[in-house]
PDB file of all heavy atoms in Angstrom:
ATOM      1  N   ALA A   1     347.936 135.987  85.408  1.00  0.00           N
ATOM      2  CA  ALA A   1     347.947 135.176  84.207  1.00  0.00           C
ATOM      3  C   ALA A   1     346.909 133.955  84.282  1.00  0.00           C
ATOM      4  O   ALA A   1     346.414 133.609  83.306  1.00  0.00           O
ATOM      5  CB  ALA A   1     349.360 134.624  84.124  1.00  0.00           C
ATOM      6  N   VAL A   2     346.907 133.351  85.527  1.00  0.00           N
ATOM      7  CA  VAL A   2     345.970 132.199  85.704  1.00  0.00           C
ATOM      8  C   VAL A   2     344.522 132.759  85.467  1.00  0.00           C
ATOM      9  O   VAL A   2     343.751 132.087  84.875  1.00  0.00           O
ATOM     10  CB  VAL A   2     346.143 131.586  87.236  1.00  0.00           C
ATOM     11  CG1 VAL A   2     345.019 130.659  87.403  1.00  0.00           C
ATOM     12  CG2 VAL A   2     347.535 130.903  87.166  1.00  0.00           C
ATOM     13  N   TRP A   3     344.106 133.832  86.010  1.00  0.00           N
ATOM     14  CA  TRP A   3     342.890 134.282  85.737  1.00  0.00           C
ATOM     15  C   TRP A   3     342.563 134.528  84.355  1.00  0.00           C
ATOM     16  O   TRP A   3     341.631 134.168  83.790  1.00  0.00           O
ATOM     17  CB  TRP A   3     342.620 135.633  86.535  1.00  0.00           C
ATOM     18  CG  TRP A   3     341.233 136.252  86.522  1.00  0.00           C
ATOM     19  CD1 TRP A   3     340.194 135.797  87.302  1.00  0.00           C
ATOM     20  CD2 TRP A   3     340.643 136.883  85.306  1.00  0.00           C
ATOM     21  NE1 TRP A   3     339.063 136.492  86.835  1.00  0.00           N
ATOM     22  CE2 TRP A   3     339.377 137.141  85.653  1.00  0.00           C
ATOM     23  CE3 TRP A   3     341.087 137.481  84.186  1.00  0.00           C
ATOM     24  CZ2 TRP A   3     338.438 137.840  84.904  1.00  0.00           C
ATOM     25  CZ3 TRP A   3     340.272 138.232  83.433  1.00  0.00           C
ATOM     26  CH2 TRP A   3     338.935 138.322  83.750  1.00  0.00           C
ATOM     27  N   ALA A   4     343.557 135.160  83.645  1.00  0.00           N
ATOM     28  CA  ALA A   4     343.358 135.440  82.123  1.00  0.00           C
ATOM     29  C   ALA A   4     343.222 134.101  81.475  1.00  0.00           C
ATOM     30  O   ALA A   4     342.364 134.144  80.477  1.00  0.00           O
ATOM     31  CB  ALA A   4     344.488 136.291  81.611  1.00  0.00           C
ATOM     32  N   ASN A   5     343.902 133.109  81.733  1.00  0.00           N
ATOM     33  CA  ASN A   5     343.965 131.841  81.033  1.00  0.00           C
ATOM     34  C   ASN A   5     342.657 131.006  81.325  1.00  0.00           C
ATOM     35  O   ASN A   5     342.073 130.450  80.544  1.00  0.00           O
ATOM     36  CB  ASN A   5     345.128 131.002  81.376  1.00  0.00           C
ATOM     37  CG  ASN A   5     346.330 131.405  80.616  1.00  0.00           C
ATOM     38  OD1 ASN A   5     346.198 131.893  79.395  1.00  0.00           O
ATOM     39  ND2 ASN A   5     347.565 131.374  81.156  1.00  0.00           N
ATOM     40  N   ARG A   6     342.297 130.972  82.577  1.00  0.00           N
ATOM     41  CA  ARG A   6     341.199 130.033  83.015  1.00  0.00           C
ATOM     42  C   ARG A   6     339.734 130.834  82.857  1.00  0.00           C
ATOM     43  O   ARG A   6     338.744 130.144  82.500  1.00  0.00           O
ATOM     44  CB  ARG A   6     341.304 129.817  84.540  1.00  0.00           C
ATOM     45  CG  ARG A   6     342.439 128.906  84.799  1.00  0.00           C
ATOM     46  CD  ARG A   6     342.412 127.515  84.336  1.00  0.00           C
ATOM     47  NE  ARG A   6     343.576 126.819  84.549  1.00  0.00           N
ATOM     48  CZ  ARG A   6     343.771 125.820  85.295  1.00  0.00           C
ATOM     49  NH1 ARG A   6     342.878 125.431  86.094  1.00  0.00           N
ATOM     50  NH2 ARG A   6     345.034 125.247  85.295  1.00  0.00           N
ATOM     51  N   ILE A   7     339.542 131.972  83.316  1.00  0.00           N
ATOM     52  CA  ILE A   7     338.331 132.756  83.184  1.00  0.00           C
ATOM     53  C   ILE A   7     338.303 133.766  82.021  1.00  0.00           C
ATOM     54  O   ILE A   7     337.310 133.765  81.382  1.00  0.00           O
ATOM     55  CB  ILE A   7     338.144 133.495  84.632  1.00  0.00           C
ATOM     56  CG1 ILE A   7     338.102 132.424  85.725  1.00  0.00           C
ATOM     57  CG2 ILE A   7     336.761 134.264  84.589  1.00  0.00           C
ATOM     58  CD1 ILE A   7     338.091 132.989  87.145  1.00  0.00           C
ATOM     59  N   GLY A   8     339.280 134.537  81.873  1.00  0.00           N
ATOM     60  CA  GLY A   8     339.175 135.407  80.821  1.00  0.00           C
ATOM     61  C   GLY A   8     339.055 134.822  79.373  1.00  0.00           C
ATOM     62  O   GLY A   8     338.492 135.537  78.522  1.00  0.00           O
ATOM     63  N   ALA A   9     339.524 133.625  79.139  1.00  0.00           N
ATOM     64  CA  ALA A   9     339.418 132.911  77.932  1.00  0.00           C
ATOM     65  C   ALA A   9     337.884 132.709  77.520  1.00  0.00           C
ATOM     66  O   ALA A   9     337.550 132.641  76.387  1.00  0.00           O
ATOM     67  CB  ALA A   9     340.208 131.687  77.962  1.00  0.00           C
ATOM     68  N   PHE A  10     337.060 132.515  78.621  1.00  0.00           N
ATOM     69  CA  PHE A  10     335.697 132.257  78.231  1.00  0.00           C
ATOM     70  C   PHE A  10     334.825 133.409  78.074  1.00  0.00           C
ATOM     71  O   PHE A  10     333.558 133.459  77.725  1.00  0.00           O
ATOM     72  CB  PHE A  10     335.046 131.436  79.314  1.00  0.00           C
ATOM     73  CG  PHE A  10     335.690 130.015  79.494  1.00  0.00           C
ATOM     74  CD1 PHE A  10     336.585 129.787  80.513  1.00  0.00           C
ATOM     75  CD2 PHE A  10     335.515 129.164  78.597  1.00  0.00           C
ATOM     76  CE1 PHE A  10     337.076 128.602  80.617  1.00  0.00           C
ATOM     77  CE2 PHE A  10     335.994 127.915  78.621  1.00  0.00           C
ATOM     78  CZ  PHE A  10     336.918 127.565  79.639  1.00  0.00           C
ATOM     79  N   LEU A  11     335.369 134.754  78.355  1.00  0.00           N
ATOM     80  CA  LEU A  11     334.686 135.994  78.154  1.00  0.00           C
ATOM     81  C   LEU A  11     335.072 136.654  76.817  1.00  0.00           C
ATOM     82  O   LEU A  11     336.090 136.389  76.364  1.00  0.00           O
ATOM     83  CB  LEU A  11     334.981 136.913  79.399  1.00  0.00           C
ATOM     84  CG  LEU A  11     334.686 136.378  80.664  1.00  0.00           C
ATOM     85  CD1 LEU A  11     335.205 137.365  81.707  1.00  0.00           C
ATOM     86  CD2 LEU A  11     333.192 136.208  80.910  1.00  0.00           C
ATOM     87  N   ALA A  12     334.186 137.486  76.443  1.00  0.00           N
ATOM     88  CA  ALA A  12     334.534 138.336  75.259  1.00  0.00           C
ATOM     89  C   ALA A  12     335.732 139.339  75.708  1.00  0.00           C
ATOM     90  O   ALA A  12     335.803 139.603  76.881  1.00  0.00           O
ATOM     91  CB  ALA A  12     333.295 139.255  74.944  1.00  0.00           C
ATOM     92  N   PRO A  13     336.512 139.644  74.788  1.00  0.00           N
ATOM     93  CA  PRO A  13     337.779 140.429  75.114  1.00  0.00           C
ATOM     94  C   PRO A  13     337.518 141.702  75.935  1.00  0.00           C
ATOM     95  O   PRO A  13     338.148 141.988  76.890  1.00  0.00           O
ATOM     96  CB  PRO A  13     338.435 140.756  73.868  1.00  0.00           C
ATOM     97  CG  PRO A  13     337.923 139.562  72.874  1.00  0.00           C
ATOM     98  CD  PRO A  13     336.586 139.266  73.364  1.00  0.00           C
ATOM     99  N   GLU A  14     336.376 142.393  75.483  1.00  0.00           N
ATOM    100  CA  GLU A  14     336.031 143.668  76.200  1.00  0.00           C
ATOM    101  C   GLU A  14     335.599 143.390  77.607  1.00  0.00           C
ATOM    102  O   GLU A  14     335.948 144.091  78.611  1.00  0.00           O
ATOM    103  CB  GLU A  14     335.033 144.496  75.561  1.00  0.00           C
ATOM    104  CG  GLU A  14     335.270 144.663  74.083  1.00  0.00           C
ATOM    105  CD  GLU A  14     334.966 143.581  73.074  1.00  0.00           C
ATOM    106  OE1 GLU A  14     334.114 142.791  73.318  1.00  0.00           O
ATOM    107  OE2 GLU A  14     335.768 143.382  72.145  1.00  0.00           O
ATOM    108  N   ASP A  15     334.771 142.238  77.831  1.00  0.00           N
ATOM    109  CA  ASP A  15     334.228 141.875  79.049  1.00  0.00           C
ATOM    110  C   ASP A  15     335.403 141.420  79.997  1.00  0.00           C
ATOM    111  O   ASP A  15     335.383 141.680  81.138  1.00  0.00           O
ATOM    112  CB  ASP A  15     333.215 140.878  79.002  1.00  0.00           C
ATOM    113  CG  ASP A  15     331.990 141.392  78.245  1.00  0.00           C
ATOM    114  OD1 ASP A  15     331.729 142.577  78.255  1.00  0.00           O
ATOM    115  OD2 ASP A  15     331.218 140.565  77.718  1.00  0.00           O
ATOM    116  N   ALA A  16     336.304 140.731  79.372  1.00  0.00           N
ATOM    117  CA  ALA A  16     337.467 140.217  80.208  1.00  0.00           C
ATOM    118  C   ALA A  16     338.282 141.234  80.772  1.00  0.00           C
ATOM    119  O   ALA A  16     338.740 141.194  81.901  1.00  0.00           O
ATOM    120  CB  ALA A  16     338.264 139.138  79.351  1.00  0.00           C
ATOM    121  N   ARG A  17     338.596 142.296  79.885  1.00  0.00           N
ATOM    122  CA  ARG A  17     339.389 143.386  80.311  1.00  0.00           C
ATOM    123  C   ARG A  17     338.751 144.101  81.362  1.00  0.00           C
ATOM    124  O   ARG A  17     339.259 144.713  82.331  1.00  0.00           O
ATOM    125  CB  ARG A  17     339.905 144.178  79.145  1.00  0.00           C
ATOM    126  CG  ARG A  17     340.834 143.615  78.294  1.00  0.00           C
ATOM    127  CD  ARG A  17     341.337 144.479  77.172  1.00  0.00           C
ATOM    128  NE  ARG A  17     342.115 143.723  76.276  1.00  0.00           N
ATOM    129  CZ  ARG A  17     343.417 143.324  76.415  1.00  0.00           C
ATOM    130  NH1 ARG A  17     344.063 143.641  77.583  1.00  0.00           N
ATOM    131  NH2 ARG A  17     344.124 142.727  75.574  1.00  0.00           N
ATOM    132  N   ALA A  18     337.404 144.265  81.350  1.00  0.00           N
ATOM    133  CA  ALA A  18     336.675 145.197  82.256  1.00  0.00           C
ATOM    134  C   ALA A  18     336.554 144.382  83.616  1.00  0.00           C
ATOM    135  O   ALA A  18     336.548 144.953  84.665  1.00  0.00           O
ATOM    136  CB  ALA A  18     335.187 145.236  81.721  1.00  0.00           C
ATOM    137  N   ALA A  19     336.421 143.071  83.536  1.00  0.00           N
ATOM    138  CA  ALA A  19     336.259 142.232  84.850  1.00  0.00           C
ATOM    139  C   ALA A  19     337.604 141.707  85.345  1.00  0.00           C
ATOM    140  O   ALA A  19     337.483 141.203  86.483  1.00  0.00           O
ATOM    141  CB  ALA A  19     335.350 141.055  84.500  1.00  0.00           C
ATOM    142  N   ALA A  20     338.679 142.057  84.721  1.00  0.00           N
ATOM    143  CA  ALA A  20     339.898 141.526  85.232  1.00  0.00           C
ATOM    144  C   ALA A  20     340.317 142.159  86.573  1.00  0.00           C
ATOM    145  O   ALA A  20     340.233 143.281  86.827  1.00  0.00           O
ATOM    146  CB  ALA A  20     341.026 141.922  84.281  1.00  0.00           C
ATOM    147  N   PRO A  21     340.750 141.234  87.609  1.00  0.00           N
ATOM    148  CA  PRO A  21     341.006 141.794  88.912  1.00  0.00           C
ATOM    149  C   PRO A  21     342.407 142.246  88.868  1.00  0.00           C
ATOM    150  O   PRO A  21     343.245 141.869  88.157  1.00  0.00           O
ATOM    151  CB  PRO A  21     341.042 140.447  89.725  1.00  0.00           C
ATOM    152  CG  PRO A  21     341.213 139.403  88.814  1.00  0.00           C
ATOM    153  CD  PRO A  21     340.613 139.805  87.482  1.00  0.00           C
ATOM    154  N   CYS A  22     342.448 143.301  89.707  1.00  0.00           N
ATOM    155  CA  CYS A  22     343.810 144.120  89.716  1.00  0.00           C
ATOM    156  C   CYS A  22     343.926 144.700  91.173  1.00  0.00           C
ATOM    157  O   CYS A  22     343.265 145.547  91.611  1.00  0.00           O
ATOM    158  CB  CYS A  22     343.959 145.075  88.664  1.00  0.00           C
ATOM    159  SG  CYS A  22     345.558 145.911  88.729  1.00  0.00           S
ATOM    160  N   PRO A  23     344.923 144.253  91.919  1.00  0.00           N
ATOM    161  CA  PRO A  23     345.144 144.938  93.309  1.00  0.00           C
ATOM    162  C   PRO A  23     345.643 146.440  93.186  1.00  0.00           C
ATOM    163  O   PRO A  23     346.163 146.703  92.237  1.00  0.00           O
ATOM    164  CB  PRO A  23     346.241 143.980  93.872  1.00  0.00           C
ATOM    165  CG  PRO A  23     346.467 142.904  93.121  1.00  0.00           C
ATOM    166  CD  PRO A  23     345.895 143.181  91.771  1.00  0.00           C
ATOM    167  N   PRO A  24     345.278 147.222  94.228  1.00  0.00           N
ATOM    168  CA  PRO A  24     345.778 148.517  94.172  1.00  0.00           C
ATOM    169  C   PRO A  24     347.181 148.692  94.010  1.00  0.00           C
ATOM    170  O   PRO A  24     347.912 148.019  94.688  1.00  0.00           O
ATOM    171  CB  PRO A  24     345.160 149.119  95.413  1.00  0.00           C
ATOM    172  CG  PRO A  24     344.107 148.191  95.919  1.00  0.00           C
ATOM    173  CD  PRO A  24     344.454 146.848  95.347  1.00  0.00           C
ATOM    174  N   GLY A  25     347.592 149.514  93.148  1.00  0.00           N
ATOM    175  CA  GLY A  25     349.054 149.731  93.022  1.00  0.00           C
ATOM    176  C   GLY A  25     349.689 148.885  91.890  1.00  0.00           C
ATOM    177  O   GLY A  25     350.876 149.090  91.467  1.00  0.00           O
ATOM    178  N   PHE A  26     349.007 147.879  91.407  1.00  0.00           N
ATOM    179  CA  PHE A  26     349.591 146.946  90.510  1.00  0.00           C
ATOM    180  C   PHE A  26     348.908 146.993  89.159  1.00  0.00           C
ATOM    181  O   PHE A  26     348.823 146.032  88.326  1.00  0.00           O
ATOM    182  CB  PHE A  26     349.405 145.435  91.004  1.00  0.00           C
ATOM    183  CG  PHE A  26     350.249 145.204  92.129  1.00  0.00           C
ATOM    184  CD1 PHE A  26     349.943 145.442  93.478  1.00  0.00           C
ATOM    185  CD2 PHE A  26     351.468 144.347  91.957  1.00  0.00           C
ATOM    186  CE1 PHE A  26     350.792 145.202  94.529  1.00  0.00           C
ATOM    187  CE2 PHE A  26     352.267 144.239  93.079  1.00  0.00           C
ATOM    188  CZ  PHE A  26     352.001 144.505  94.275  1.00  0.00           C
ATOM    189  N   ALA A  27     348.306 148.184  88.791  1.00  0.00           N
ATOM    190  CA  ALA A  27     347.573 148.316  87.622  1.00  0.00           C
ATOM    191  C   ALA A  27     348.390 148.154  86.445  1.00  0.00           C
ATOM    192  O   ALA A  27     347.984 147.431  85.397  1.00  0.00           O
ATOM    193  CB  ALA A  27     346.820 149.653  87.612  1.00  0.00           C
ATOM    194  N   ARG A  28     349.465 148.721  86.229  1.00  0.00           N
ATOM    195  CA  ARG A  28     350.351 148.554  85.082  1.00  0.00           C
ATOM    196  C   ARG A  28     350.869 147.281  84.810  1.00  0.00           C
ATOM    197  O   ARG A  28     350.970 146.704  83.815  1.00  0.00           O
ATOM    198  CB  ARG A  28     351.466 149.666  85.119  1.00  0.00           C
ATOM    199  CG  ARG A  28     350.948 150.989  84.893  1.00  0.00           C
ATOM    200  CD  ARG A  28     352.035 152.120  84.906  1.00  0.00           C
ATOM    201  NE  ARG A  28     353.350 151.793  84.162  1.00  0.00           N
ATOM    202  CZ  ARG A  28     354.456 152.423  84.361  1.00  0.00           C
ATOM    203  NH1 ARG A  28     354.461 153.356  85.204  1.00  0.00           N
ATOM    204  NH2 ARG A  28     355.465 152.016  83.770  1.00  0.00           N
ATOM    205  N   LEU A  29     351.232 146.506  86.049  1.00  0.00           N
ATOM    206  CA  LEU A  29     351.888 145.401  86.007  1.00  0.00           C
ATOM    207  C   LEU A  29     350.745 144.320  85.496  1.00  0.00           C
ATOM    208  O   LEU A  29     350.950 143.415  84.687  1.00  0.00           O
ATOM    209  CB  LEU A  29     352.379 144.950  87.332  1.00  0.00           C
ATOM    210  CG  LEU A  29     353.009 143.502  87.513  1.00  0.00           C
ATOM    211  CD1 LEU A  29     354.337 143.574  86.601  1.00  0.00           C
ATOM    212  CD2 LEU A  29     353.484 143.368  88.857  1.00  0.00           C
ATOM    213  N   CYS A  30     349.464 144.460  86.023  1.00  0.00           N
ATOM    214  CA  CYS A  30     348.438 143.470  85.696  1.00  0.00           C
ATOM    215  C   CYS A  30     348.094 143.835  84.226  1.00  0.00           C
ATOM    216  O   CYS A  30     347.680 142.863  83.502  1.00  0.00           O
ATOM    217  CB  CYS A  30     347.256 143.705  86.598  1.00  0.00           C
ATOM    218  SG  CYS A  30     347.469 142.910  88.117  1.00  0.00           S
ATOM    219  N   ALA A  31     347.984 145.013  83.912  1.00  0.00           N
ATOM    220  CA  ALA A  31     347.648 145.412  82.400  1.00  0.00           C
ATOM    221  C   ALA A  31     348.619 144.748  81.467  1.00  0.00           C
ATOM    222  O   ALA A  31     348.203 144.380  80.306  1.00  0.00           O
ATOM    223  CB  ALA A  31     347.531 146.918  82.296  1.00  0.00           C
ATOM    224  N   ALA A  32     349.888 144.639  81.807  1.00  0.00           N
ATOM    225  CA  ALA A  32     350.826 144.180  80.924  1.00  0.00           C
ATOM    226  C   ALA A  32     350.641 142.648  80.825  1.00  0.00           C
ATOM    227  O   ALA A  32     350.810 142.077  79.742  1.00  0.00           O
ATOM    228  CB  ALA A  32     352.386 144.354  81.421  1.00  0.00           C
ATOM    229  N   VAL A  33     350.348 141.986  81.938  1.00  0.00           N
ATOM    230  CA  VAL A  33     349.926 140.484  81.904  1.00  0.00           C
ATOM    231  C   VAL A  33     348.769 140.247  80.969  1.00  0.00           C
ATOM    232  O   VAL A  33     348.784 139.418  80.238  1.00  0.00           O
ATOM    233  CB  VAL A  33     349.814 139.958  83.294  1.00  0.00           C
ATOM    234  CG1 VAL A  33     349.324 138.462  83.265  1.00  0.00           C
ATOM    235  CG2 VAL A  33     351.070 139.975  84.101  1.00  0.00           C
ATOM    236  N   TYR A  34     347.760 141.101  81.168  1.00  0.00           N
ATOM    237  CA  TYR A  34     346.488 140.810  80.444  1.00  0.00           C
ATOM    238  C   TYR A  34     346.719 141.200  78.980  1.00  0.00           C
ATOM    239  O   TYR A  34     346.120 140.578  78.021  1.00  0.00           O
ATOM    240  CB  TYR A  34     345.365 141.783  81.015  1.00  0.00           C
ATOM    241  CG  TYR A  34     344.930 141.314  82.422  1.00  0.00           C
ATOM    242  CD1 TYR A  34     344.638 142.288  83.456  1.00  0.00           C
ATOM    243  CD2 TYR A  34     344.873 140.027  82.843  1.00  0.00           C
ATOM    244  CE1 TYR A  34     344.360 141.896  84.769  1.00  0.00           C
ATOM    245  CE2 TYR A  34     344.549 139.632  84.115  1.00  0.00           C
ATOM    246  CZ  TYR A  34     344.297 140.618  85.007  1.00  0.00           C
ATOM    247  OH  TYR A  34     343.911 140.218  86.269  1.00  0.00           O
ATOM    248  N   ALA A  35     347.605 142.177  78.717  1.00  0.00           N
ATOM    249  CA  ALA A  35     347.850 142.484  77.337  1.00  0.00           C
ATOM    250  C   ALA A  35     348.548 141.223  76.640  1.00  0.00           C
ATOM    251  O   ALA A  35     348.340 141.048  75.362  1.00  0.00           O
ATOM    252  CB  ALA A  35     348.681 143.652  77.104  1.00  0.00           C
ATOM    253  N   ARG A  36     349.336 140.583  77.269  1.00  0.00           N
ATOM    254  CA  ARG A  36     350.039 139.359  76.741  1.00  0.00           C
ATOM    255  C   ARG A  36     349.056 138.138  76.549  1.00  0.00           C
ATOM    256  O   ARG A  36     349.227 137.392  75.591  1.00  0.00           O
ATOM    257  CB  ARG A  36     351.194 138.976  77.564  1.00  0.00           C
ATOM    258  CG  ARG A  36     352.386 139.905  77.352  1.00  0.00           C
ATOM    259  CD  ARG A  36     353.597 139.306  78.097  1.00  0.00           C
ATOM    260  NE  ARG A  36     354.104 138.176  77.252  1.00  0.00           N
ATOM    261  CZ  ARG A  36     355.281 138.006  76.822  1.00  0.00           C
ATOM    262  NH1 ARG A  36     356.140 138.955  77.111  1.00  0.00           N
ATOM    263  NH2 ARG A  36     355.626 136.982  76.181  1.00  0.00           N
ATOM    264  N   VAL A  37     348.200 137.938  77.596  1.00  0.00           N
ATOM    265  CA  VAL A  37     347.393 136.722  77.636  1.00  0.00           C
ATOM    266  C   VAL A  37     346.131 136.842  76.966  1.00  0.00           C
ATOM    267  O   VAL A  37     345.718 136.019  76.165  1.00  0.00           O
ATOM    268  CB  VAL A  37     347.265 136.302  79.186  1.00  0.00           C
ATOM    269  CG1 VAL A  37     346.460 135.043  79.115  1.00  0.00           C
ATOM    270  CG2 VAL A  37     348.536 136.068  79.660  1.00  0.00           C
ATOM    271  N   LEU A  38     345.379 138.009  77.203  1.00  0.00           N
ATOM    272  CA  LEU A  38     344.083 138.178  76.543  1.00  0.00           C
ATOM    273  C   LEU A  38     344.135 138.500  75.135  1.00  0.00           C
ATOM    274  O   LEU A  38     345.020 139.318  74.782  1.00  0.00           O
ATOM    275  CB  LEU A  38     343.184 139.140  77.406  1.00  0.00           C
ATOM    276  CG  LEU A  38     342.815 138.782  78.796  1.00  0.00           C
ATOM    277  CD1 LEU A  38     342.152 139.876  79.525  1.00  0.00           C
ATOM    278  CD2 LEU A  38     341.964 137.565  78.893  1.00  0.00           C
ATOM    279  N   PRO A  39     343.214 138.006  74.268  1.00  0.00           N
ATOM    280  CA  PRO A  39     343.260 138.481  72.901  1.00  0.00           C
ATOM    281  C   PRO A  39     342.790 139.938  72.771  1.00  0.00           C
ATOM    282  O   PRO A  39     342.084 140.353  73.558  1.00  0.00           O
ATOM    283  CB  PRO A  39     342.334 137.405  72.199  1.00  0.00           C
ATOM    284  CG  PRO A  39     341.315 136.969  73.408  1.00  0.00           C
ATOM    285  CD  PRO A  39     342.164 137.049  74.516  1.00  0.00           C
ATOM    286  N   GLU A  40     343.321 140.468  71.750  1.00  0.00           N
ATOM    287  CA  GLU A  40     343.015 141.927  71.523  1.00  0.00           C
ATOM    288  C   GLU A  40     341.491 142.044  71.004  1.00  0.00           C
ATOM    289  O   GLU A  40     340.802 142.801  71.553  1.00  0.00           O
ATOM    290  CB  GLU A  40     343.816 142.421  70.303  1.00  0.00           C
ATOM    291  CG  GLU A  40     345.300 142.746  70.820  1.00  0.00           C
ATOM    292  CD  GLU A  40     345.209 143.894  71.850  1.00  0.00           C
ATOM    293  OE1 GLU A  40     344.539 144.873  71.794  1.00  0.00           O
ATOM    294  OE2 GLU A  40     345.903 143.681  72.846  1.00  0.00           O
ATOM    295  N   ARG A  41     341.095 141.234  70.201  1.00  0.00           N
ATOM    296  CA  ARG A  41     339.738 141.163  69.628  1.00  0.00           C
ATOM    297  C   ARG A  41     339.263 139.782  69.136  1.00  0.00           C
ATOM    298  O   ARG A  41     340.350 139.148  68.652  1.00  0.00           O
ATOM    299  CB  ARG A  41     339.462 142.258  68.669  1.00  0.00           C
ATOM    300  CG  ARG A  41     340.260 142.074  67.369  1.00  0.00           C
ATOM    301  CD  ARG A  41     340.100 143.329  66.403  1.00  0.00           C
ATOM    302  NE  ARG A  41     340.963 143.167  65.276  1.00  0.00           N
ATOM    303  CZ  ARG A  41     342.193 143.407  65.176  1.00  0.00           C
ATOM    304  NH1 ARG A  41     342.799 143.893  66.234  1.00  0.00           N
ATOM    305  NH2 ARG A  41     342.863 143.284  64.071  1.00  0.00           N
ATOM    306  N   GLU A  42     338.087 139.594  68.938  1.00  0.00           N
ATOM    307  CA  GLU A  42     337.664 138.286  68.306  1.00  0.00           C
ATOM    308  C   GLU A  42     337.852 138.460  66.951  1.00  0.00           C
ATOM    309  O   GLU A  42     337.468 139.421  66.250  1.00  0.00           O
ATOM    310  CB  GLU A  42     336.206 138.033  68.811  1.00  0.00           C
ATOM    311  CG  GLU A  42     336.113 137.424  70.113  1.00  0.00           C
ATOM    312  CD  GLU A  42     334.726 136.962  70.470  1.00  0.00           C
ATOM    313  OE1 GLU A  42     334.103 136.564  69.549  1.00  0.00           O
ATOM    314  OE2 GLU A  42     334.375 136.875  71.630  1.00  0.00           O
ATOM    315  N   THR A  43     338.224 137.292  66.298  1.00  0.00           N
ATOM    316  CA  THR A  43     338.179 137.273  64.899  1.00  0.00           C
ATOM    317  C   THR A  43     337.106 136.393  64.373  1.00  0.00           C
ATOM    318  O   THR A  43     336.941 135.242  64.826  1.00  0.00           O
ATOM    319  CB  THR A  43     339.536 136.708  64.298  1.00  0.00           C
ATOM    320  OG1 THR A  43     339.846 135.448  64.936  1.00  0.00           O
ATOM    321  CG2 THR A  43     340.692 137.697  64.590  1.00  0.00           C
ATOM    322  N   ASN A  44     336.263 136.812  63.475  1.00  0.00           N
ATOM    323  CA  ASN A  44     335.172 135.970  63.040  1.00  0.00           C
ATOM    324  C   ASN A  44     335.690 135.435  61.538  1.00  0.00           C
ATOM    325  O   ASN A  44     335.477 136.011  60.490  1.00  0.00           O
ATOM    326  CB  ASN A  44     333.940 136.867  62.809  1.00  0.00           C
ATOM    327  CG  ASN A  44     333.480 137.298  64.085  1.00  0.00           C
ATOM    328  OD1 ASN A  44     333.614 136.751  65.116  1.00  0.00           O
ATOM    329  ND2 ASN A  44     332.798 138.403  64.155  1.00  0.00           N
TER     330      ASN A  44
END
């Protein structure tokens, strides 16, 4: 959550999801956190 708020907020949504760190075995848990925190897409 801290990574998504501090670093992911400055990246494009696609880049943030691609660069998001995730320890082995915690993929679904981290994906759920990133789904809540990172925006789905940019609105122009």
